[in-house]
Amino acid sequence: MTHIMYSMMQPQHIFNSTLPSLDAPYPMLVLTGPLACWKRELCHRLCRKFNNYFRY
């Protein structure tokens, strides 16, 4: 419950996108898999390495 309250207290940002047109779908990356398969670590690594493309 603490992490939910902490995330709600953080400032929310809407980032500008550079989509080719208004009809183009917004790019999204979804990581799925069983429990304890390092999805969170992969997410953190992707966000650090490609910080111009991925944020959460």
C-alpha atoms as a PDB file:
ATOM      1  CA  MET A   1       0.000   0.000   0.000  1.00  0.00           C
ATOM      2  CA  THR A   2       2.911   2.338   0.708  1.00  0.00           C
ATOM      3  CA  HIS A   3       4.192   2.141  -2.883  1.00  0.00           C
ATOM      4  CA  ILE A   4       0.747   3.111  -4.213  1.00  0.00           C
ATOM      5  CA  MET A   5       0.612   6.193  -1.992  1.00  0.00           C
ATOM      6  CA  TYR A   6       4.204   7.076  -2.900  1.00  0.00           C
ATOM      7  CA  SER A   7       3.492   6.820  -6.633  1.00  0.00           C
ATOM      8  CA  MET A   8       0.369   8.964  -6.263  1.00  0.00           C
ATOM      9  CA  MET A   9       2.396  11.696  -4.523  1.00  0.00           C
ATOM     10  CA  GLN A  10       4.917  11.903  -7.392  1.00  0.00           C
ATOM     11  CA  PRO A  11       4.376  14.624 -10.007  1.00  0.00           C
ATOM     12  CA  GLN A  12       2.732  13.331 -13.162  1.00  0.00           C
ATOM     13  CA  HIS A  13       4.126  14.310 -16.562  1.00  0.00           C
ATOM     14  CA  ILE A  14       2.730  13.980 -20.051  1.00  0.00           C
ATOM     15  CA  PHE A  15       5.578  13.848 -22.527  1.00  0.00           C
ATOM     16  CA  ASN A  16       5.341  15.249 -26.029  1.00  0.00           C
ATOM     17  CA  SER A  17       5.349  12.601 -28.693  1.00  0.00           C
ATOM     18  CA  THR A  18       6.684  12.815 -32.215  1.00  0.00           C
ATOM     19  CA  LEU A  19       4.129  10.645 -33.939  1.00  0.00           C
ATOM     20  CA  PRO A  20       4.032  10.951 -37.734  1.00  0.00           C
ATOM     21  CA  SER A  21       0.297  11.754 -37.674  1.00  0.00           C
ATOM     22  CA  LEU A  22      -2.643  11.933 -35.294  1.00  0.00           C
ATOM     23  CA  ASP A  23      -3.945   8.611 -36.649  1.00  0.00           C
ATOM     24  CA  ALA A  24      -0.743   6.706 -35.801  1.00  0.00           C
ATOM     25  CA  PRO A  25      -0.951   4.515 -32.676  1.00  0.00           C
ATOM     26  CA  TYR A  26       1.068   5.605 -29.653  1.00  0.00           C
ATOM     27  CA  PRO A  27       4.109   3.304 -29.229  1.00  0.00           C
ATOM     28  CA  MET A  28       3.948   1.066 -26.182  1.00  0.00           C
ATOM     29  CA  LEU A  29       6.115  -1.700 -24.764  1.00  0.00           C
ATOM     30  CA  VAL A  30       4.491  -4.393 -22.616  1.00  0.00           C
ATOM     31  CA  LEU A  31       6.631  -6.859 -20.669  1.00  0.00           C
ATOM     32  CA  THR A  32       4.842 -10.058 -19.713  1.00  0.00           C
ATOM     33  CA  GLY A  33       6.030 -13.255 -18.122  1.00  0.00           C
ATOM     34  CA  PRO A  34       5.772 -15.428 -15.037  1.00  0.00           C
ATOM     35  CA  LEU A  35       6.554 -14.183 -11.561  1.00  0.00           C
ATOM     36  CA  ALA A  36      10.205 -13.632 -10.662  1.00  0.00           C
ATOM     37  CA  CYS A  37      11.530 -13.602 -14.235  1.00  0.00           C
ATOM     38  CA  TRP A  38      13.319 -10.219 -13.949  1.00  0.00           C
ATOM     39  CA  LYS A  39      10.699  -8.122 -15.778  1.00  0.00           C
ATOM     40  CA  ARG A  40      11.228  -5.201 -13.426  1.00  0.00           C
ATOM     41  CA  GLU A  41      15.018  -5.321 -13.794  1.00  0.00           C
ATOM     42  CA  LEU A  42      14.659  -5.460 -17.581  1.00  0.00           C
ATOM     43  CA  CYS A  43      12.316  -2.473 -17.457  1.00  0.00           C
ATOM     44  CA  HIS A  44      14.826  -0.475 -15.410  1.00  0.00           C
ATOM     45  CA  ARG A  45      17.667  -1.384 -17.763  1.00  0.00           C
ATOM     46  CA  LEU A  46      15.664  -0.415 -20.843  1.00  0.00           C
ATOM     47  CA  CYS A  47      14.702   2.910 -19.290  1.00  0.00           C
ATOM     48  CA  ARG A  48      18.320   3.661 -18.359  1.00  0.00           C
ATOM     49  CA  LYS A  49      19.807   2.611 -21.687  1.00  0.00           C
ATOM     50  CA  PHE A  50      17.109   4.105 -23.942  1.00  0.00           C
ATOM     51  CA  ASN A  51      16.005   7.045 -21.810  1.00  0.00           C
ATOM     52  CA  ASN A  52      15.005   9.029 -24.901  1.00  0.00           C
ATOM     53  CA  TYR A  53      12.400   6.396 -25.777  1.00  0.00           C
ATOM     54  CA  PHE A  54      11.194   4.715 -22.562  1.00  0.00           C
ATOM     55  CA  ARG A  55       9.955   6.221 -19.308  1.00  0.00           C
ATOM     56  CA  TYR A  56       7.573   5.140 -16.611  1.00  0.00           C
END
